[in-house]
Protein backbone atom coordinates (compact mmCIF):
# COMPACT_ATOMS: atom_id res chain seq x y z
CA MET A 1 8.89 17.91 -19.40
CA VAL A 2 7.04 14.72 -18.38
CA PRO A 3 3.25 15.32 -18.23
CA HIS A 4 1.72 15.11 -14.78
CA ILE A 5 -0.40 11.98 -14.34
CA GLY A 6 -3.29 11.97 -11.90
CA PHE A 7 -5.18 8.81 -12.89
CA ASP A 8 -4.27 5.10 -12.95
CA GLY A 9 -5.79 3.76 -16.16
CA GLU A 10 -4.64 0.16 -15.68
CA ARG A 11 -6.14 -0.05 -12.20
CA TYR A 12 -9.37 1.40 -13.60
CA ASN A 13 -9.59 -1.24 -16.30
CA THR A 14 -9.09 -4.04 -13.78
CA LEU A 15 -11.60 -2.75 -11.23
CA GLN A 16 -14.28 -1.93 -13.80
CA SER A 17 -13.96 -5.39 -15.40
CA GLU A 18 -14.38 -7.06 -12.03
CA GLN A 19 -17.45 -4.95 -11.26
CA ILE A 20 -19.11 -5.80 -14.58
CA GLU A 21 -18.63 -9.51 -13.92
CA GLU A 22 -20.05 -9.07 -10.41
CA ARG A 23 -23.16 -7.37 -11.84
CA ARG A 24 -23.67 -10.10 -14.40
CA THR A 25 -23.48 -12.73 -11.68
CA ARG A 26 -25.89 -10.82 -9.48
CA ILE A 27 -28.42 -10.26 -12.30
CA GLY A 28 -28.30 -13.88 -13.43
CA GLY A 29 -29.73 -13.05 -16.85
CA ARG A 30 -29.29 -10.59 -19.68
CA LEU A 31 -27.53 -7.40 -18.57
CA TYR A 32 -28.12 -4.07 -20.29
CA LEU A 33 -25.09 -1.92 -19.52
CA GLU A 34 -25.71 1.73 -20.24
CA MET A 35 -22.55 3.61 -21.20
CA GLY A 36 -22.53 6.90 -19.29
CA GLY A 37 -20.50 9.31 -21.42
CA LYS A 38 -18.61 8.22 -24.50
CA LEU A 39 -17.38 4.68 -25.01
CA PHE A 40 -14.78 5.70 -27.56
CA ASP A 41 -12.82 8.95 -27.99
CA ASP A 42 -13.76 10.13 -24.50
CA PHE A 43 -11.72 13.31 -24.74
CA HIS A 44 -13.51 14.97 -21.84
CA ALA A 45 -12.43 12.22 -19.44
CA SER A 46 -8.88 12.25 -20.80
CA ARG A 47 -8.64 16.02 -20.27
CA VAL A 48 -10.08 15.97 -16.75
CA LEU A 49 -8.30 12.79 -15.63
CA PRO A 50 -4.67 13.00 -16.85
CA GLY A 51 -3.67 9.38 -17.38
CA PHE A 52 -7.08 8.33 -18.69
CA THR A 53 -6.75 7.67 -22.42
CA PRO A 54 -9.59 8.49 -24.86
CA ASP A 55 -10.03 4.76 -25.59
CA ASN A 56 -9.56 3.56 -21.98
CA LYS A 57 -13.09 2.20 -21.71
CA ILE A 58 -13.24 0.34 -24.98
CA ALA A 59 -9.78 -1.15 -24.36
CA MET A 60 -11.08 -2.54 -21.09
CA LEU A 61 -14.20 -3.94 -22.74
CA GLU A 62 -12.11 -5.73 -25.38
CA ARG A 63 -11.47 -8.32 -22.68
CA LEU A 64 -15.16 -9.26 -23.12
CA VAL A 65 -15.41 -8.69 -26.87
CA ASP A 66 -16.88 -12.11 -27.67
CA GLU A 67 -19.63 -11.69 -25.08
CA ILE A 68 -20.73 -8.12 -25.85
CA GLU A 69 -23.28 -6.80 -28.30
CA ILE A 70 -23.32 -3.02 -28.82
CA VAL A 71 -26.52 -1.05 -29.49
CA ILE A 72 -26.22 2.58 -30.59
CA VAL A 73 -28.92 5.04 -29.55
CA ILE A 74 -29.66 8.39 -31.19
CA ASN A 75 -32.31 10.93 -30.25
CA ALA A 76 -34.23 11.58 -33.46
CA ARG A 77 -34.66 15.22 -32.48
CA ASP A 78 -30.87 15.63 -32.47
CA LEU A 79 -30.89 14.56 -36.11
CA GLU A 80 -33.51 17.18 -36.89
CA ARG A 81 -31.45 19.82 -35.05
CA GLN A 82 -28.32 18.65 -36.92
CA LYS A 83 -26.51 18.40 -33.61
CA VAL A 84 -22.71 18.13 -33.88
CA ARG A 85 -20.33 16.24 -31.63
CA ALA A 86 -17.92 19.03 -30.72
CA ASP A 87 -14.85 16.87 -30.00
CA VAL A 88 -14.64 15.51 -33.54
CA GLY A 89 -16.65 18.19 -35.34
CA ILE A 90 -19.13 15.96 -37.17
CA PRO A 91 -22.96 15.60 -36.99
CA TYR A 92 -24.46 12.85 -34.83
CA GLU A 93 -25.63 11.07 -37.98
CA SER A 94 -22.04 10.73 -39.23
CA GLU A 95 -20.75 10.02 -35.73
CA ALA A 96 -23.11 7.05 -35.38
CA LEU A 97 -21.75 5.51 -38.57
CA ARG A 98 -18.18 6.23 -37.49
CA LEU A 99 -18.84 4.46 -34.18
CA VAL A 100 -20.21 1.39 -35.98
CA ASP A 101 -17.02 1.23 -38.05
CA VAL A 102 -14.76 1.73 -35.03
CA PHE A 103 -16.52 -0.93 -32.96
CA ARG A 104 -16.52 -3.46 -35.78
CA GLU A 105 -12.84 -2.82 -36.52
CA ARG A 106 -12.09 -3.72 -32.90
CA GLY A 107 -14.08 -6.94 -33.15
CA PHE A 108 -17.33 -5.89 -31.45
CA TYR A 109 -20.71 -7.06 -32.72
CA VAL A 110 -22.99 -4.17 -33.76
CA ALA A 111 -26.26 -4.80 -35.58
CA TRP A 112 -28.84 -2.38 -34.13
CA VAL A 113 -29.46 1.37 -33.95
CA VAL A 114 -32.32 2.76 -31.86
CA LEU A 115 -33.94 6.08 -32.81
CA THR A 116 -35.56 7.50 -29.67
CA GLN A 117 -38.33 10.14 -29.52
CA PHE A 118 -39.10 9.12 -33.09
CA ASP A 119 -41.87 11.13 -34.74
CA ASP A 120 -43.16 10.19 -38.19
CA GLY A 121 -43.02 13.89 -39.10
CA ASN A 122 -39.27 14.06 -38.47
CA GLN A 123 -37.95 13.88 -42.03
CA ALA A 124 -34.29 13.76 -40.98
CA ALA A 125 -34.91 10.74 -38.76
CA ARG A 126 -36.94 8.94 -41.41
CA ALA A 127 -34.22 9.52 -44.01
CA PHE A 128 -31.52 8.32 -41.63
CA ARG A 129 -33.53 5.21 -40.78
CA THR A 130 -33.74 4.37 -44.49
CA ARG A 131 -30.01 5.00 -44.90
CA LEU A 132 -29.14 2.73 -41.98
CA GLN A 133 -31.30 -0.07 -43.34
CA ARG A 134 -29.69 0.21 -46.76
CA LEU A 135 -26.32 -0.12 -45.05
CA GLY A 136 -27.44 -3.41 -43.52
CA LEU A 137 -28.17 -2.18 -40.00
CA LYS A 138 -31.37 -2.92 -38.12
CA VAL A 139 -33.33 0.03 -36.74
CA ALA A 140 -35.82 0.18 -33.87
CA ARG A 141 -38.09 3.19 -33.39
CA HIS A 142 -38.90 4.31 -29.86
CA ARG A 143 -41.71 6.80 -29.42
CA THR A 144 -42.07 9.72 -27.06
CA ILE A 145 -44.02 8.45 -24.03
CA ASP A 146 -46.35 10.91 -22.34
CA GLY A 147 -45.59 11.30 -18.65
CA TYR A 148 -42.10 9.75 -18.80
CA PRO A 149 -40.66 9.15 -16.26
CA ALA A 150 -43.17 10.30 -13.61
CA ASN A 151 -46.31 8.42 -14.73
CA ILE A 152 -44.95 4.97 -13.99
CA ALA A 153 -48.24 3.11 -14.49
CA HIS A 154 -48.54 4.48 -18.03
CA VAL A 155 -44.83 4.16 -18.91
CA VAL A 156 -44.72 0.49 -17.86
CA SER A 157 -47.68 -0.55 -20.01
CA ALA A 158 -48.63 -1.55 -23.53
CA GLN A 159 -49.25 2.14 -24.30
CA GLY A 160 -45.85 3.11 -22.90
CA PHE A 161 -42.82 0.89 -23.43
CA GLY A 162 -45.09 -1.53 -25.20
CA GLN A 163 -45.36 0.76 -28.24
CA ASN A 164 -41.59 0.73 -28.78
CA GLU A 165 -40.08 -1.61 -31.35
CA TYR A 166 -38.09 -4.45 -29.75
CA VAL A 167 -34.35 -4.78 -30.34
CA GLU A 168 -33.79 -8.50 -30.90
CA VAL A 169 -30.30 -8.77 -29.44
CA SER A 170 -28.45 -12.08 -29.62
CA ARG A 171 -26.09 -11.81 -26.63
CA ASP A 172 -26.58 -11.50 -22.90
CA LEU A 173 -24.22 -8.58 -22.27
CA VAL A 174 -25.64 -5.61 -24.18
CA LEU A 175 -23.73 -2.35 -24.15
CA VAL A 176 -25.96 0.65 -24.92
CA THR A 177 -24.06 3.72 -26.12
CA ALA A 178 -24.66 6.92 -28.10
CA PRO A 179 -22.90 9.74 -29.99
CA GLY A 180 -23.67 12.18 -27.18
CA PRO A 181 -25.73 12.94 -24.05
CA GLY A 182 -29.51 13.17 -23.89
CA SER A 183 -29.91 10.29 -26.33
CA GLY A 184 -32.37 8.16 -24.35
CA LYS A 185 -30.01 5.31 -23.44
CA LEU A 186 -31.63 4.61 -20.07
CA ALA A 187 -35.13 4.62 -21.55
CA THR A 188 -33.89 2.21 -24.23
CA CYS A 189 -32.53 -0.17 -21.57
CA LEU A 190 -35.77 -0.03 -19.57
CA SER A 191 -37.87 -0.58 -22.69
CA GLN A 192 -35.78 -3.64 -23.55
CA ILE A 193 -36.16 -5.08 -20.04
CA TYR A 194 -39.94 -4.64 -20.34
CA HIS A 195 -40.01 -6.48 -23.67
CA ASP A 196 -37.59 -9.19 -22.50
CA TYR A 197 -39.76 -10.10 -19.54
CA ALA A 198 -42.80 -10.17 -21.81
CA ARG A 199 -40.89 -12.84 -23.75
CA GLY A 200 -39.86 -14.76 -20.63
CA ILE A 201 -36.24 -13.53 -20.67
CA PRO A 202 -34.84 -12.42 -17.29
CA ALA A 203 -32.95 -9.14 -17.67
CA GLY A 204 -31.37 -6.41 -15.59
CA TYR A 205 -29.66 -3.06 -15.83
CA ALA A 206 -26.45 -1.35 -14.72
CA LYS A 207 -24.70 1.84 -15.74
CA PHE A 208 -21.05 2.07 -16.77
CA GLU A 209 -20.52 5.53 -15.31
CA THR A 210 -17.66 8.02 -15.37
CA PHE A 211 -19.12 11.34 -14.26
CA PRO A 212 -20.20 12.62 -11.84
CA ILE A 213 -17.81 10.80 -9.53
CA TRP A 214 -20.08 9.59 -6.75
CA ASP A 215 -17.48 9.38 -3.96
CA LEU A 216 -16.02 12.87 -4.48
CA PRO A 217 -17.58 16.04 -3.00
CA LEU A 218 -20.39 17.73 -4.87
CA ASP A 219 -18.28 20.84 -5.51
CA HIS A 220 -15.08 19.02 -6.48
CA PRO A 221 -13.71 20.52 -9.74
CA MET A 222 -14.04 17.16 -11.52
CA ASN A 223 -17.76 17.01 -10.76
CA LEU A 224 -18.24 20.67 -11.67
CA ALA A 225 -16.42 20.04 -14.95
CA TYR A 226 -19.10 17.47 -15.75
CA GLU A 227 -21.79 20.11 -15.16
CA ALA A 228 -19.91 22.49 -17.46
CA ALA A 229 -19.75 19.81 -20.16
CA THR A 230 -23.52 19.24 -20.00
CA ALA A 231 -24.60 22.88 -19.56
CA ASP A 232 -26.75 22.60 -22.68
CA LEU A 233 -28.77 19.77 -21.09
CA ASP A 234 -29.67 21.45 -17.78
CA ASP A 235 -27.89 18.61 -15.97
CA VAL A 236 -27.17 19.37 -12.32
CA ASN A 237 -25.10 17.35 -9.87
CA MET A 238 -26.84 16.67 -6.60
CA ILE A 239 -26.63 14.57 -3.47
CA ASP A 240 -28.45 11.32 -4.20
CA PRO A 241 -31.47 11.47 -1.84
CA HIS A 242 -32.27 7.77 -2.33
CA HIS A 243 -28.74 6.74 -1.34
CA LEU A 244 -28.80 9.02 1.69
CA ALA A 245 -32.12 7.58 2.82
CA ALA A 246 -31.06 3.98 2.23
CA TYR A 247 -27.56 4.05 3.70
CA GLY A 248 -27.20 7.32 5.58
CA LYS A 249 -24.25 8.23 3.33
CA GLN A 250 -23.81 11.07 0.89
CA ALA A 251 -23.12 10.20 -2.74
CA VAL A 252 -23.09 12.46 -5.78
CA ASN A 253 -25.34 11.75 -8.72
CA TYR A 254 -27.14 13.92 -11.24
CA ASN A 255 -30.70 15.05 -11.65
CA ARG A 256 -31.83 12.86 -14.54
CA ASP A 257 -30.77 9.59 -12.90
CA VAL A 258 -32.30 10.70 -9.59
CA GLU A 259 -35.57 11.59 -11.33
CA VAL A 260 -35.84 8.32 -13.24
CA PHE A 261 -34.75 5.99 -10.43
CA PRO A 262 -38.28 5.36 -9.03
CA LEU A 263 -39.33 4.20 -12.51
CA LEU A 264 -36.38 1.82 -12.77
CA ALA A 265 -36.94 0.41 -9.29
CA GLN A 266 -40.67 -0.08 -9.83
CA LEU A 267 -40.15 -1.57 -13.29
CA LEU A 268 -37.70 -4.15 -11.97
CA THR A 269 -39.98 -4.89 -9.01
CA GLN A 270 -43.01 -5.37 -11.26
CA LEU A 271 -41.15 -7.62 -13.65
CA SER A 272 -38.92 -9.69 -11.39
CA GLY A 273 -40.42 -9.29 -7.93
CA SER A 274 -37.69 -7.01 -6.53
CA SER A 275 -35.11 -4.40 -7.45
CA PRO A 276 -31.41 -5.04 -6.77
CA TYR A 277 -30.84 -1.30 -6.30
CA ARG A 278 -31.81 1.05 -3.49
CA SER A 279 -30.47 4.19 -5.16
CA PRO A 280 -29.33 5.46 -8.57
CA THR A 281 -25.77 5.42 -7.22
CA ASP A 282 -26.17 1.68 -6.67
CA MET A 283 -26.89 1.32 -10.40
CA GLY A 284 -23.50 2.68 -11.40
CA VAL A 285 -20.37 0.69 -12.15
CA ASN A 286 -18.08 3.60 -11.36
CA LEU A 287 -14.69 3.18 -9.73
CA VAL A 288 -13.10 6.33 -11.13
CA GLY A 289 -12.66 7.78 -7.65
CA SER A 290 -10.67 4.73 -6.56
CA CYS A 291 -8.20 5.22 -9.41
CA ILE A 292 -7.27 8.88 -8.87
CA SER A 293 -3.57 8.80 -8.03
CA ASP A 294 -3.00 12.56 -7.66
CA ASP A 295 -6.01 14.64 -6.69
CA ALA A 296 -4.18 17.97 -7.13
CA VAL A 297 -3.29 17.15 -10.75
CA CYS A 298 -6.88 16.20 -11.55
CA ARG A 299 -8.23 19.31 -9.82
CA ARG A 300 -6.07 21.58 -11.96
CA ALA A 301 -7.02 19.70 -15.12
CA ALA A 302 -10.72 19.96 -14.28
CA GLU A 303 -10.47 23.69 -13.58
CA GLN A 304 -8.85 24.23 -16.96
CA GLU A 305 -11.59 22.18 -18.62
CA ILE A 306 -14.27 24.38 -17.04
CA ILE A 307 -12.58 27.52 -18.42
CA ARG A 308 -12.31 25.90 -21.87
CA ARG A 309 -16.02 25.04 -21.74
CA TYR A 310 -16.79 28.65 -20.79
CA TYR A 311 -14.98 30.00 -23.83
CA LYS A 312 -16.61 27.41 -26.07
CA ALA A 313 -20.05 28.45 -24.83
CA LEU A 314 -19.25 32.12 -25.52
CA VAL A 315 -18.13 31.32 -29.06
CA ASP A 316 -21.14 29.08 -29.78
CA GLU A 317 -23.51 31.78 -28.53
CA ARG A 318 -21.83 34.39 -30.72
CA ARG A 319 -21.80 32.14 -33.79
CA ASP A 320 -25.44 31.11 -33.47
CA GLN A 321 -26.70 34.43 -32.05
CA LEU A 322 -27.98 32.73 -28.90
CA ASP A 323 -28.78 34.20 -25.53
CA PRO A 324 -25.89 33.72 -23.05
CA VAL A 325 -27.56 30.88 -21.16
CA GLN A 326 -24.82 28.23 -21.22
CA SER A 327 -21.99 30.68 -20.60
CA LYS A 328 -23.80 32.09 -17.57
CA ARG A 329 -24.30 28.61 -16.14
CA ILE A 330 -20.62 27.83 -16.55
CA SER A 331 -19.58 31.21 -15.14
CA LEU A 332 -21.50 30.32 -11.96
CA LEU A 333 -19.46 27.11 -11.71
CA MET A 334 -16.30 29.13 -12.17
CA GLY A 335 -17.45 31.43 -9.38
CA LYS A 336 -17.80 28.47 -7.02
CA LEU A 337 -14.13 27.66 -7.58
CA GLY A 338 -12.91 31.24 -7.68
CA LEU A 339 -11.85 30.88 -11.32
CA ARG A 340 -11.52 33.66 -13.88
CA SER A 341 -11.29 33.32 -17.63
CA THR A 342 -7.75 34.68 -17.45
CA ASP A 343 -6.71 31.73 -15.23
CA ARG A 344 -5.70 30.06 -18.46
CA ALA A 345 -2.01 30.67 -19.07
CA VAL A 346 -2.34 31.40 -22.80
CA VAL A 347 -5.07 34.03 -22.54
CA ALA A 348 -3.13 37.05 -21.28
CA PRO A 349 -0.17 36.65 -23.70
CA ALA A 350 -2.52 36.40 -26.70
CA LEU A 351 -4.49 39.46 -25.60
CA ALA A 352 -1.27 41.40 -24.99
CA VAL A 353 -0.01 40.78 -28.54
CA ALA A 354 -3.41 41.70 -29.99
CA LYS A 355 -3.45 44.94 -28.00
CA LYS A 356 0.06 45.84 -29.14
CA THR A 357 -0.42 45.02 -32.83
CA LYS A 358 -4.14 45.90 -33.07
CA ASP A 359 -4.57 42.67 -35.04
CA PRO A 360 -5.62 39.10 -34.16
CA ALA A 361 -3.08 37.15 -32.11
CA SER A 362 -2.64 33.72 -30.58
CA ALA A 363 -0.58 31.96 -27.91
CA ILE A 364 0.36 28.36 -27.16
CA GLU A 365 1.75 26.81 -23.98
CA LEU A 366 4.32 24.13 -24.78
CA PRO A 367 4.99 21.05 -22.63
CA ASP A 368 7.96 22.79 -20.98
CA GLY A 369 5.73 25.66 -19.86
CA GLN A 370 7.08 28.08 -22.47
CA ILE A 371 4.48 30.44 -23.97
CA ILE A 372 4.90 31.09 -27.70
CA THR A 373 2.81 33.74 -29.46
CA GLY A 374 1.86 34.48 -33.05
CA LYS A 375 0.81 37.76 -34.67
CA THR A 376 -0.96 38.58 -37.90
CA SER A 377 1.23 39.64 -40.83
CA GLU A 378 0.85 40.20 -44.54
CA LEU A 379 1.96 36.61 -45.17
CA LEU A 380 0.55 34.60 -42.27
CA GLY A 381 -2.49 34.48 -40.05
CA CYS A 382 -1.75 34.56 -36.33
CA SER A 383 -2.46 30.84 -35.83
CA ALA A 384 -0.14 29.84 -38.66
CA ALA A 385 2.59 32.15 -37.35
CA MET A 386 2.23 30.77 -33.84
CA LEU A 387 2.45 27.21 -35.13
CA LEU A 388 5.69 27.93 -36.98
CA ASN A 389 7.16 29.76 -33.98
CA ALA A 390 6.26 26.85 -31.67
CA LEU A 391 7.80 24.25 -34.00
CA LYS A 392 10.99 26.30 -34.29
CA HIS A 393 11.27 26.53 -30.51
CA LEU A 394 10.71 22.81 -30.04
CA ALA A 395 13.22 21.93 -32.76
CA GLY A 396 15.85 24.29 -31.34
CA ILE A 397 15.86 26.46 -34.46
CA ASP A 398 16.87 30.12 -34.15
CA PRO A 399 13.72 32.31 -34.01
CA ASP A 400 15.11 34.53 -36.78
CA VAL A 401 15.41 31.62 -39.22
CA GLU A 402 12.69 31.66 -41.90
CA LEU A 403 11.30 28.16 -42.25
CA LEU A 404 9.23 29.38 -45.18
CA ALA A 405 10.78 32.03 -47.39
CA PRO A 406 8.42 34.81 -48.55
CA SER A 407 9.18 33.73 -52.11
CA SER A 408 7.61 30.32 -51.38
CA ILE A 409 4.54 31.82 -49.69
CA ARG A 410 3.61 34.41 -52.34
CA PRO A 411 2.76 31.92 -55.11
CA ILE A 412 0.27 30.30 -52.73
CA GLN A 413 -1.22 33.71 -51.97
CA THR A 414 -1.53 34.44 -55.68
CA LEU A 415 -3.28 31.13 -56.24
CA LYS A 416 -5.75 31.88 -53.42
CA THR A 417 -6.62 35.43 -54.41
CA GLU A 418 -6.42 35.37 -58.19
CA HIS A 419 -7.70 31.88 -58.97
CA LEU A 420 -9.60 30.53 -55.96
CA GLY A 421 -11.54 33.67 -55.09
CA SER A 422 -10.23 34.10 -51.56
CA ARG A 423 -10.29 37.61 -50.09
CA ASN A 424 -7.77 36.64 -47.41
CA PRO A 425 -4.25 36.20 -48.86
CA ARG A 426 -2.72 35.08 -45.56
CA LEU A 427 -1.83 31.42 -45.18
CA HIS A 428 -3.91 29.27 -42.84
CA THR A 429 -2.43 26.53 -40.67
CA ASP A 430 -3.13 23.79 -43.22
CA GLU A 431 -1.43 25.75 -46.01
CA VAL A 432 1.59 26.43 -43.81
CA LEU A 433 1.94 22.75 -42.92
CA ILE A 434 1.70 21.73 -46.57
CA ALA A 435 4.33 24.32 -47.54
CA LEU A 436 6.52 23.14 -44.66
CA SER A 437 6.18 19.53 -45.82
CA VAL A 438 7.26 20.48 -49.34
CA SER A 439 10.24 22.41 -47.94
CA ALA A 440 11.25 19.43 -45.79
CA ASP A 441 12.55 17.67 -48.90
CA THR A 442 15.39 20.16 -49.19
CA SER A 443 15.53 21.90 -45.80
CA PRO A 444 16.86 20.11 -42.69
CA ASP A 445 15.29 22.83 -40.51
CA ALA A 446 11.86 22.21 -42.03
CA ARG A 447 12.26 18.45 -41.44
CA ARG A 448 13.23 19.01 -37.81
CA ALA A 449 10.27 21.35 -37.31
CA LEU A 450 7.80 18.84 -38.80
CA ASP A 451 9.15 16.12 -36.52
CA GLN A 452 7.94 18.19 -33.54
CA LEU A 453 4.26 18.21 -34.57
CA GLN A 454 3.43 15.30 -32.29
CA THR A 455 4.85 17.25 -29.32
CA LEU A 456 1.99 19.75 -29.67
CA ARG A 457 -0.66 17.16 -28.72
CA GLY A 458 -2.38 18.24 -25.51
CA CYS A 459 -0.98 21.79 -25.62
CA ASP A 460 -3.27 24.75 -24.83
CA VAL A 461 -3.90 27.56 -27.34
CA HIS A 462 -5.87 30.79 -27.15
CA THR A 463 -6.78 33.05 -30.06
CA THR A 464 -8.20 36.55 -29.87
CA THR A 465 -10.73 35.92 -32.64
CA ILE A 466 -13.04 33.05 -33.53
CA LEU A 467 -11.23 30.47 -35.65
CA GLY A 468 -12.32 29.55 -39.12
CA THR A 469 -13.32 25.97 -39.77
CA VAL A 470 -10.00 25.10 -41.42
CA ASP A 471 -7.80 26.22 -38.52
CA GLU A 472 -10.26 24.70 -36.05
CA ALA A 473 -10.04 21.31 -37.77
CA ILE A 474 -6.23 21.40 -37.97
CA PHE A 475 -5.88 22.11 -34.27
CA ARG A 476 -8.39 19.38 -33.45
CA ASN A 477 -6.52 16.85 -35.59
CA LEU A 478 -3.24 17.81 -33.92
CA GLY A 479 -4.83 17.26 -30.49
CA ILE A 480 -4.35 20.92 -29.48
CA LEU A 481 -6.83 22.34 -26.95
CA VAL A 482 -8.04 25.68 -28.33
CA THR A 483 -10.12 28.48 -26.86
CA SER A 484 -11.03 31.76 -28.54
CA GLU A 485 -12.38 35.15 -27.66
CA PRO A 486 -15.98 35.47 -28.91
CA GLN A 487 -15.01 38.01 -31.56
CA TYR A 488 -14.82 37.85 -35.34
CA GLN A 489 -11.83 39.32 -37.13
CA VAL A 490 -14.07 41.01 -39.68
CA LYS A 491 -17.55 42.36 -38.98
CA SER A 492 -19.91 40.87 -41.54
CA LEU A 493 -23.42 39.49 -41.55
CA TYR A 494 -22.54 36.20 -43.27
CA LYS A 495 -20.14 33.94 -41.41
CA LYS A 496 -18.58 31.10 -43.41
CA ARG A 497 -18.59 28.05 -41.17
């Protein structure tokens, strides 16, 4: 089954490149280009816009690789909170270093990291600053500014932006990106413009935006999916009041850009005599809406993303014993679209198997629309069983054929329970895949099954219990989109993460 495509990635790359060049010409000096969303591995965009690849944006920017300098921004408080980037499952500290490596491997120049909201009492931020410097990176500390962004007179002063350390960039197209949202990228750009003008360097700002999509309705599923993705930040999509007042046209933006726009406009006016923008929507380089080739496909993809975000919020709240704040916000978005949690094809089949067996169960939807389930047994966990069943189906192997003989599984169970101290003898997904790989040397069926692993990328899975970290990582590495019921298989006070 050929996947449905709803977005023209090539057209997007062309139009965005042209817009960036137009902004550079208009600014006539150094351009700070804030990256809205993720520059690399933008899995949210690829899920909501089928046809958009996770590296679509960076592939487009490679056309300008010799002209771009990349600055990475991290909120120091996120380091203290040990915030994790969910898509790749690593802390922001590690993600920042990974990004530096990725950018450099693709030929981009990266020399600076900015730590925003830096407080000398933040031990995690101080330690990370030292680590970065030892690795040869330059670090600028930006302080928390009282009254930001409302008290413009104070913010645009020696006691405001003036207290921030200057990032001495060497190129005139500066891309400002971050491991995640709420990093302080816009404030970093504005601080740099302030310091540039103090040094006699003309500079301007634009935003490389993806979501919200300004020329789609406020309640379009793709815009609501953005709200679901940022439910932890209190971000809200809204009609841009500045754009409406300036042009008499409705455009969708979000609260933080709307709130900070007066500061940006006044800063640019104070420094250069005028602002090139009449609204926060004007700031954006965002032609996503012009590249949607099938609105119905993108709507369905966005609705599924909202449901996935809802389940993720439920699981996070259960894991961390949090009040159901994020899940309630997302459930309101689902209500606007008439969505239910069961409007995910794999949910009902997984729940049905769990109800019948009274044990954890899972289900996967394959590219051909077939739903394959897995149940818990003495030998296999439900996720491992489902994975084997799915691979057999894809490889055209009879369901009754045992890809792994019990005699090959039991030695692994013995090793786990008698020597490695595990209380769970069942094989996890990683152990099953390793056993399958070993069997592939002598078994044609095992080889054919392994060859189908790549077919699972992009498939949806639902489990009736919260996954352990091992299974979670395997599914992530395979590119499988997993949701789980917010329940643990075993009731215990200590949860191994």
